Amino acid sequence: MNYGVTFELLGKVRILGEEKHPLYQWLTEQSEPQGDVKWNFEKFLITKDGDVAARFTSRVTPEDSELIQAIEKEL
């Protein structure tokens, strides 16, 4: 159900208005497609240099070959 994760991945942050979290704002501006997250569990892949390499919708599971290939490419 949670892929064996037993720690908090990210606390709640504001994503609207003037209090929009800077990380959320940066991720949604630097990725394609740009714009707000449409649903829970969207994923952003960050390069070792700190750039956004890819963005995946919530329909892409952690086991999805598209996601795995993108991660392997960045390794």
PDB file of N, CA and C in Angstrom:
ATOM      1  N   MET A   1       0.815  -1.205   0.000  1.00  0.00           N
ATOM      2  CA  MET A   1       0.000   0.000   0.000  1.00  0.00           C
ATOM      3  C   MET A   1       0.852   1.261   0.000  1.00  0.00           C
ATOM      4  N   ASN A   2       1.897   1.292   0.809  1.00  0.00           N
ATOM      5  CA  ASN A   2       2.736   2.493   0.854  1.00  0.00           C
ATOM      6  C   ASN A   2       4.164   2.202   0.390  1.00  0.00           C
ATOM      7  N   TYR A   3       4.356   1.085  -0.326  1.00  0.00           N
ATOM      8  CA  TYR A   3       5.642   0.717  -0.907  1.00  0.00           C
ATOM      9  C   TYR A   3       6.750   0.594   0.133  1.00  0.00           C
ATOM     10  N   GLY A   4       6.347   0.197   1.350  1.00  0.00           N
ATOM     11  CA  GLY A   4       7.323  -0.048   2.403  1.00  0.00           C
ATOM     12  C   GLY A   4       7.871   1.198   3.079  1.00  0.00           C
ATOM     13  N   VAL A   5       7.365   2.356   2.729  1.00  0.00           N
ATOM     14  CA  VAL A   5       7.846   3.599   3.341  1.00  0.00           C
ATOM     15  C   VAL A   5       7.279   3.712   4.746  1.00  0.00           C
ATOM     16  N   THR A   6       8.157   3.966   5.708  1.00  0.00           N
ATOM     17  CA  THR A   6       7.723   4.077   7.101  1.00  0.00           C
ATOM     18  C   THR A   6       8.020   5.455   7.679  1.00  0.00           C
ATOM     19  N   PHE A   7       8.471   6.383   6.840  1.00  0.00           N
ATOM     20  CA  PHE A   7       8.804   7.725   7.298  1.00  0.00           C
ATOM     21  C   PHE A   7       7.970   8.737   6.530  1.00  0.00           C
ATOM     22  N   GLU A   8       7.843   9.938   7.080  1.00  0.00           N
ATOM     23  CA  GLU A   8       7.100  10.997   6.416  1.00  0.00           C
ATOM     24  C   GLU A   8       7.893  11.493   5.213  1.00  0.00           C
ATOM     25  N   LEU A   9       7.263  11.517   4.049  1.00  0.00           N
ATOM     26  CA  LEU A   9       7.935  11.984   2.846  1.00  0.00           C
ATOM     27  C   LEU A   9       7.953  13.493   2.766  1.00  0.00           C
ATOM     28  N   LEU A  10       6.833  14.119   3.108  1.00  0.00           N
ATOM     29  CA  LEU A  10       6.734  15.571   3.031  1.00  0.00           C
ATOM     30  C   LEU A  10       5.561  15.997   3.889  1.00  0.00           C
ATOM     31  N   GLY A  11       5.769  16.998   4.690  1.00  0.00           N
ATOM     32  CA  GLY A  11       4.678  17.537   5.473  1.00  0.00           C
ATOM     33  C   GLY A  11       3.746  18.339   4.583  1.00  0.00           C
ATOM     34  N   LYS A  12       2.598  18.693   5.099  1.00  0.00           N
ATOM     35  CA  LYS A  12       1.647  19.495   4.337  1.00  0.00           C
ATOM     36  C   LYS A  12       2.213  20.889   4.107  1.00  0.00           C
ATOM     37  N   VAL A  13       1.994  21.393   2.901  1.00  0.00           N
ATOM     38  CA  VAL A  13       2.423  22.747   2.553  1.00  0.00           C
ATOM     39  C   VAL A  13       1.277  23.452   1.844  1.00  0.00           C
ATOM     40  N   ARG A  14       1.322  24.755   1.846  1.00  0.00           N
ATOM     41  CA  ARG A  14       0.311  25.539   1.127  1.00  0.00           C
ATOM     42  C   ARG A  14       0.683  25.580  -0.348  1.00  0.00           C
ATOM     43  N   ILE A  15      -0.338  25.452  -1.199  1.00  0.00           N
ATOM     44  CA  ILE A  15      -0.091  25.447  -2.641  1.00  0.00           C
ATOM     45  C   ILE A  15      -0.881  26.517  -3.374  1.00  0.00           C
ATOM     46  N   LEU A  16      -1.578  27.357  -2.621  1.00  0.00           N
ATOM     47  CA  LEU A  16      -2.393  28.409  -3.221  1.00  0.00           C
ATOM     48  C   LEU A  16      -2.061  29.759  -2.591  1.00  0.00           C
ATOM     49  N   GLY A  17      -2.243  30.805  -3.364  1.00  0.00           N
ATOM     50  CA  GLY A  17      -2.128  32.164  -2.838  1.00  0.00           C
ATOM     51  C   GLY A  17      -0.713  32.596  -2.521  1.00  0.00           C
ATOM     52  N   GLU A  18      -0.623  33.638  -1.709  1.00  0.00           N
ATOM     53  CA  GLU A  18       0.666  34.239  -1.371  1.00  0.00           C
ATOM     54  C   GLU A  18       1.539  33.330  -0.511  1.00  0.00           C
ATOM     55  N   GLU A  19       0.935  32.362   0.159  1.00  0.00           N
ATOM     56  CA  GLU A  19       1.694  31.464   1.023  1.00  0.00           C
ATOM     57  C   GLU A  19       2.102  30.178   0.303  1.00  0.00           C
ATOM     58  N   LYS A  20       2.021  30.173  -1.031  1.00  0.00           N
ATOM     59  CA  LYS A  20       2.410  28.991  -1.805  1.00  0.00           C
ATOM     60  C   LYS A  20       3.853  28.635  -1.482  1.00  0.00           C
ATOM     61  N   HIS A  21       4.082  27.375  -1.174  1.00  0.00           N
ATOM     62  CA  HIS A  21       5.412  26.920  -0.794  1.00  0.00           C
ATOM     63  C   HIS A  21       6.375  27.098  -1.977  1.00  0.00           C
ATOM     64  N   PRO A  22       7.570  27.637  -1.723  1.00  0.00           N
ATOM     65  CA  PRO A  22       8.526  27.889  -2.813  1.00  0.00           C
ATOM     66  C   PRO A  22       8.898  26.629  -3.604  1.00  0.00           C
ATOM     67  N   LEU A  23       9.025  25.492  -2.932  1.00  0.00           N
ATOM     68  CA  LEU A  23       9.369  24.259  -3.647  1.00  0.00           C
ATOM     69  C   LEU A  23       8.246  23.864  -4.596  1.00  0.00           C
ATOM     70  N   TYR A  24       7.011  23.918  -4.121  1.00  0.00           N
ATOM     71  CA  TYR A  24       5.866  23.599  -4.972  1.00  0.00           C
ATOM     72  C   TYR A  24       5.825  24.539  -6.168  1.00  0.00           C
ATOM     73  N   GLN A  25       6.016  25.802  -5.936  1.00  0.00           N
ATOM     74  CA  GLN A  25       5.975  26.788  -7.014  1.00  0.00           C
ATOM     75  C   GLN A  25       7.069  26.491  -8.037  1.00  0.00           C
ATOM     76  N   TRP A  26       8.274  26.227  -7.574  1.00  0.00           N
ATOM     77  CA  TRP A  26       9.387  25.931  -8.478  1.00  0.00           C
ATOM     78  C   TRP A  26       9.123  24.667  -9.288  1.00  0.00           C
ATOM     79  N   LEU A  27       8.691  23.594  -8.621  1.00  0.00           N
ATOM     80  CA  LEU A  27       8.432  22.338  -9.322  1.00  0.00           C
ATOM     81  C   LEU A  27       7.382  22.503 -10.415  1.00  0.00           C
ATOM     82  N   THR A  28       6.300  23.181 -10.108  1.00  0.00           N
ATOM     83  CA  THR A  28       5.211  23.307 -11.067  1.00  0.00           C
ATOM     84  C   THR A  28       5.521  24.302 -12.177  1.00  0.00           C
ATOM     85  N   GLU A  29       6.499  25.176 -11.975  1.00  0.00           N
ATOM     86  CA  GLU A  29       6.909  26.114 -13.027  1.00  0.00           C
ATOM     87  C   GLU A  29       8.012  25.542 -13.907  1.00  0.00           C
ATOM     88  N   GLN A  30       8.838  24.656 -13.369  1.00  0.00           N
ATOM     89  CA  GLN A  30       9.998  24.135 -14.096  1.00  0.00           C
ATOM     90  C   GLN A  30       9.735  22.823 -14.820  1.00  0.00           C
ATOM     91  N   SER A  31       8.579  22.234 -14.640  1.00  0.00           N
ATOM     92  CA  SER A  31       8.286  20.938 -15.234  1.00  0.00           C
ATOM     93  C   SER A  31       7.336  21.085 -16.414  1.00  0.00           C
ATOM     94  N   GLU A  32       7.291  20.043 -17.220  1.00  0.00           N
ATOM     95  CA  GLU A  32       6.329  19.986 -18.331  1.00  0.00           C
ATOM     96  C   GLU A  32       5.363  18.850 -18.063  1.00  0.00           C
ATOM     97  N   PRO A  33       4.088  19.086 -18.133  1.00  0.00           N
ATOM     98  CA  PRO A  33       3.487  20.384 -18.405  1.00  0.00           C
ATOM     99  C   PRO A  33       3.563  21.282 -17.171  1.00  0.00           C
ATOM    100  N   GLN A  34       3.654  22.580 -17.412  1.00  0.00           N
ATOM    101  CA  GLN A  34       3.639  23.529 -16.303  1.00  0.00           C
ATOM    102  C   GLN A  34       2.237  23.609 -15.726  1.00  0.00           C
ATOM    103  N   GLY A  35       2.162  24.020 -14.485  1.00  0.00           N
ATOM    104  CA  GLY A  35       0.866  24.216 -13.855  1.00  0.00           C
ATOM    105  C   GLY A  35       0.709  23.382 -12.612  1.00  0.00           C
ATOM    106  N   ASP A  36      -0.393  23.647 -11.926  1.00  0.00           N
ATOM    107  CA  ASP A  36      -0.650  22.994 -10.649  1.00  0.00           C
ATOM    108  C   ASP A  36      -0.798  21.488 -10.782  1.00  0.00           C
ATOM    109  N   VAL A  37      -0.509  20.800  -9.688  1.00  0.00           N
ATOM    110  CA  VAL A  37      -0.723  19.367  -9.585  1.00  0.00           C
ATOM    111  C   VAL A  37      -2.220  19.115  -9.700  1.00  0.00           C
ATOM    112  N   LYS A  38      -2.577  18.138 -10.521  1.00  0.00           N
ATOM    113  CA  LYS A  38      -3.995  17.852 -10.766  1.00  0.00           C
ATOM    114  C   LYS A  38      -4.589  16.909  -9.725  1.00  0.00           C
ATOM    115  N   TRP A  39      -3.780  16.016  -9.159  1.00  0.00           N
ATOM    116  CA  TRP A  39      -4.281  15.031  -8.211  1.00  0.00           C
ATOM    117  C   TRP A  39      -3.120  14.553  -7.352  1.00  0.00           C
ATOM    118  N   ASN A  40      -3.427  13.943  -6.234  1.00  0.00           N
ATOM    119  CA  ASN A  40      -2.391  13.416  -5.333  1.00  0.00           C
ATOM    120  C   ASN A  40      -1.457  12.459  -6.064  1.00  0.00           C
ATOM    121  N   PHE A  41      -0.267  12.356  -5.578  1.00  0.00           N
ATOM    122  CA  PHE A  41       0.738  11.384  -6.011  1.00  0.00           C
ATOM    123  C   PHE A  41       1.355  11.679  -7.373  1.00  0.00           C
ATOM    124  N   GLU A  42       1.329  12.941  -7.808  1.00  0.00           N
ATOM    125  CA  GLU A  42       2.157  13.291  -8.958  1.00  0.00           C
ATOM    126  C   GLU A  42       3.600  13.192  -8.499  1.00  0.00           C
ATOM    127  N   LYS A  43       4.476  12.903  -9.445  1.00  0.00           N
ATOM    128  CA  LYS A  43       5.872  12.697  -9.113  1.00  0.00           C
ATOM    129  C   LYS A  43       6.751  13.614  -9.959  1.00  0.00           C
ATOM    130  N   PHE A  44       7.798  14.141  -9.348  1.00  0.00           N
ATOM    131  CA  PHE A  44       8.773  14.973 -10.043  1.00  0.00           C
ATOM    132  C   PHE A  44      10.121  14.287  -9.906  1.00  0.00           C
ATOM    133  N   LEU A  45      10.820  14.128 -11.028  1.00  0.00           N
ATOM    134  CA  LEU A  45      12.149  13.531 -11.022  1.00  0.00           C
ATOM    135  C   LEU A  45      13.169  14.657 -11.153  1.00  0.00           C
ATOM    136  N   ILE A  46      14.085  14.717 -10.204  1.00  0.00           N
ATOM    137  CA  ILE A  46      15.080  15.779 -10.150  1.00  0.00           C
ATOM    138  C   ILE A  46      16.445  15.204 -10.526  1.00  0.00           C
ATOM    139  N   THR A  47      17.181  15.910 -11.373  1.00  0.00           N
ATOM    140  CA  THR A  47      18.505  15.453 -11.775  1.00  0.00           C
ATOM    141  C   THR A  47      19.509  15.654 -10.643  1.00  0.00           C
ATOM    142  N   LYS A  48      20.690  15.072 -10.806  1.00  0.00           N
ATOM    143  CA  LYS A  48      21.736  15.248  -9.795  1.00  0.00           C
ATOM    144  C   LYS A  48      22.208  16.699  -9.729  1.00  0.00           C
ATOM    145  N   ASP A  49      21.919  17.466 -10.787  1.00  0.00           N
ATOM    146  CA  ASP A  49      22.270  18.887 -10.802  1.00  0.00           C
ATOM    147  C   ASP A  49      21.164  19.780 -10.255  1.00  0.00           C
ATOM    148  N   GLY A  50      20.047  19.175  -9.861  1.00  0.00           N
ATOM    149  CA  GLY A  50      18.972  19.938  -9.257  1.00  0.00           C
ATOM    150  C   GLY A  50      17.936  20.482 -10.221  1.00  0.00           C
ATOM    151  N   ASP A  51      17.937  20.002 -11.454  1.00  0.00           N
ATOM    152  CA  ASP A  51      16.933  20.417 -12.431  1.00  0.00           C
ATOM    153  C   ASP A  51      15.786  19.409 -12.456  1.00  0.00           C
ATOM    154  N   VAL A  52      14.639  19.842 -12.946  1.00  0.00           N
ATOM    155  CA  VAL A  52      13.515  18.921 -13.102  1.00  0.00           C
ATOM    156  C   VAL A  52      13.731  18.141 -14.392  1.00  0.00           C
ATOM    157  N   ALA A  53      13.854  16.827 -14.281  1.00  0.00           N
ATOM    158  CA  ALA A  53      14.055  15.968 -15.445  1.00  0.00           C
ATOM    159  C   ALA A  53      12.729  15.540 -16.046  1.00  0.00           C
ATOM    160  N   ALA A  54      11.742  15.308 -15.190  1.00  0.00           N
ATOM    161  CA  ALA A  54      10.453  14.811 -15.677  1.00  0.00           C
ATOM    162  C   ALA A  54       9.388  14.993 -14.613  1.00  0.00           C
ATOM    163  N   ARG A  55       8.162  14.945 -15.091  1.00  0.00           N
ATOM    164  CA  ARG A  55       6.996  15.017 -14.212  1.00  0.00           C
ATOM    165  C   ARG A  55       6.054  13.908 -14.628  1.00  0.00           C
ATOM    166  N   PHE A  56       5.509  13.207 -13.644  1.00  0.00           N
ATOM    167  CA  PHE A  56       4.634  12.069 -13.905  1.00  0.00           C
ATOM    168  C   PHE A  56       3.309  12.261 -13.180  1.00  0.00           C
ATOM    169  N   THR A  57       2.230  11.976 -13.867  1.00  0.00           N
ATOM    170  CA  THR A  57       0.910  12.109 -13.261  1.00  0.00           C
ATOM    171  C   THR A  57       0.695  11.033 -12.207  1.00  0.00           C
ATOM    172  N   SER A  58      -0.368  11.169 -11.471  1.00  0.00           N
ATOM    173  CA  SER A  58      -0.692  10.192 -10.433  1.00  0.00           C
ATOM    174  C   SER A  58      -1.047   8.831 -11.020  1.00  0.00           C
ATOM    175  N   ARG A  59      -1.357   8.778 -12.296  1.00  0.00           N
ATOM    176  CA  ARG A  59      -1.661   7.488 -12.938  1.00  0.00           C
ATOM    177  C   ARG A  59      -0.420   6.636 -13.127  1.00  0.00           C
ATOM    178  N   VAL A  60       0.751   7.247 -13.094  1.00  0.00           N
ATOM    179  CA  VAL A  60       2.011   6.513 -13.234  1.00  0.00           C
ATOM    180  C   VAL A  60       2.380   5.972 -11.857  1.00  0.00           C
ATOM    181  N   THR A  61       2.460   4.644 -11.748  1.00  0.00           N
ATOM    182  CA  THR A  61       2.783   4.015 -10.464  1.00  0.00           C
ATOM    183  C   THR A  61       4.297   3.951 -10.275  1.00  0.00           C
ATOM    184  N   PRO A  62       4.758   3.745  -9.043  1.00  0.00           N
ATOM    185  CA  PRO A  62       6.197   3.617  -8.807  1.00  0.00           C
ATOM    186  C   PRO A  62       6.843   2.468  -9.581  1.00  0.00           C
ATOM    187  N   GLU A  63       6.061   1.461  -9.966  1.00  0.00           N
ATOM    188  CA  GLU A  63       6.605   0.324 -10.713  1.00  0.00           C
ATOM    189  C   GLU A  63       6.507   0.513 -12.216  1.00  0.00           C
ATOM    190  N   ASP A  64       5.935   1.596 -12.677  1.00  0.00           N
ATOM    191  CA  ASP A  64       5.718   1.826 -14.104  1.00  0.00           C
ATOM    192  C   ASP A  64       7.057   1.884 -14.842  1.00  0.00           C
ATOM    193  N   SER A  65       7.140   1.199 -15.974  1.00  0.00           N
ATOM    194  CA  SER A  65       8.400   1.151 -16.734  1.00  0.00           C
ATOM    195  C   SER A  65       8.840   2.536 -17.196  1.00  0.00           C
ATOM    196  N   GLU A  66       7.896   3.412 -17.507  1.00  0.00           N
ATOM    197  CA  GLU A  66       8.233   4.775 -17.925  1.00  0.00           C
ATOM    198  C   GLU A  66       9.001   5.512 -16.826  1.00  0.00           C
ATOM    199  N   LEU A  67       8.541   5.380 -15.598  1.00  0.00           N
ATOM    200  CA  LEU A  67       9.193   6.025 -14.462  1.00  0.00           C
ATOM    201  C   LEU A  67      10.540   5.385 -14.178  1.00  0.00           C
ATOM    202  N   ILE A  68      10.591   4.069 -14.194  1.00  0.00           N
ATOM    203  CA  ILE A  68      11.841   3.361 -13.915  1.00  0.00           C
ATOM    204  C   ILE A  68      12.903   3.713 -14.949  1.00  0.00           C
ATOM    205  N   GLN A  69      12.528   3.769 -16.219  1.00  0.00           N
ATOM    206  CA  GLN A  69      13.488   4.118 -17.272  1.00  0.00           C
ATOM    207  C   GLN A  69      14.008   5.552 -17.089  1.00  0.00           C
ATOM    208  N   ALA A  70      13.124   6.451 -16.718  1.00  0.00           N
ATOM    209  CA  ALA A  70      13.544   7.839 -16.506  1.00  0.00           C
ATOM    210  C   ALA A  70      14.529   7.939 -15.348  1.00  0.00           C
ATOM    211  N   ILE A  71      14.271   7.199 -14.276  1.00  0.00           N
ATOM    212  CA  ILE A  71      15.181   7.198 -13.114  1.00  0.00           C
ATOM    213  C   ILE A  71      16.527   6.608 -13.526  1.00  0.00           C
ATOM    214  N   GLU A  72      16.493   5.474 -14.217  1.00  0.00           N
ATOM    215  CA  GLU A  72      17.741   4.832 -14.631  1.00  0.00           C
ATOM    216  C   GLU A  72      18.552   5.723 -15.556  1.00  0.00           C
ATOM    217  N   LYS A  73      17.882   6.469 -16.415  1.00  0.00           N
ATOM    218  CA  LYS A  73      18.560   7.393 -17.317  1.00  0.00           C
ATOM    219  C   LYS A  73      19.310   8.468 -16.531  1.00  0.00           C
ATOM    220  N   GLU A  74      18.726   8.930 -15.434  1.00  0.00           N
ATOM    221  CA  GLU A  74      19.347   9.975 -14.629  1.00  0.00           C
ATOM    222  C   GLU A  74      20.471   9.449 -13.738  1.00  0.00           C
ATOM    223  N   LEU A  75      20.483   8.151 -13.510  1.00  0.00           N
ATOM    224  CA  LEU A  75      21.556   7.560 -12.687  1.00  0.00           C
ATOM    225  C   LEU A  75      22.825   7.499 -13.502  1.00  0.00           C
TER     226      LEU A  75
END
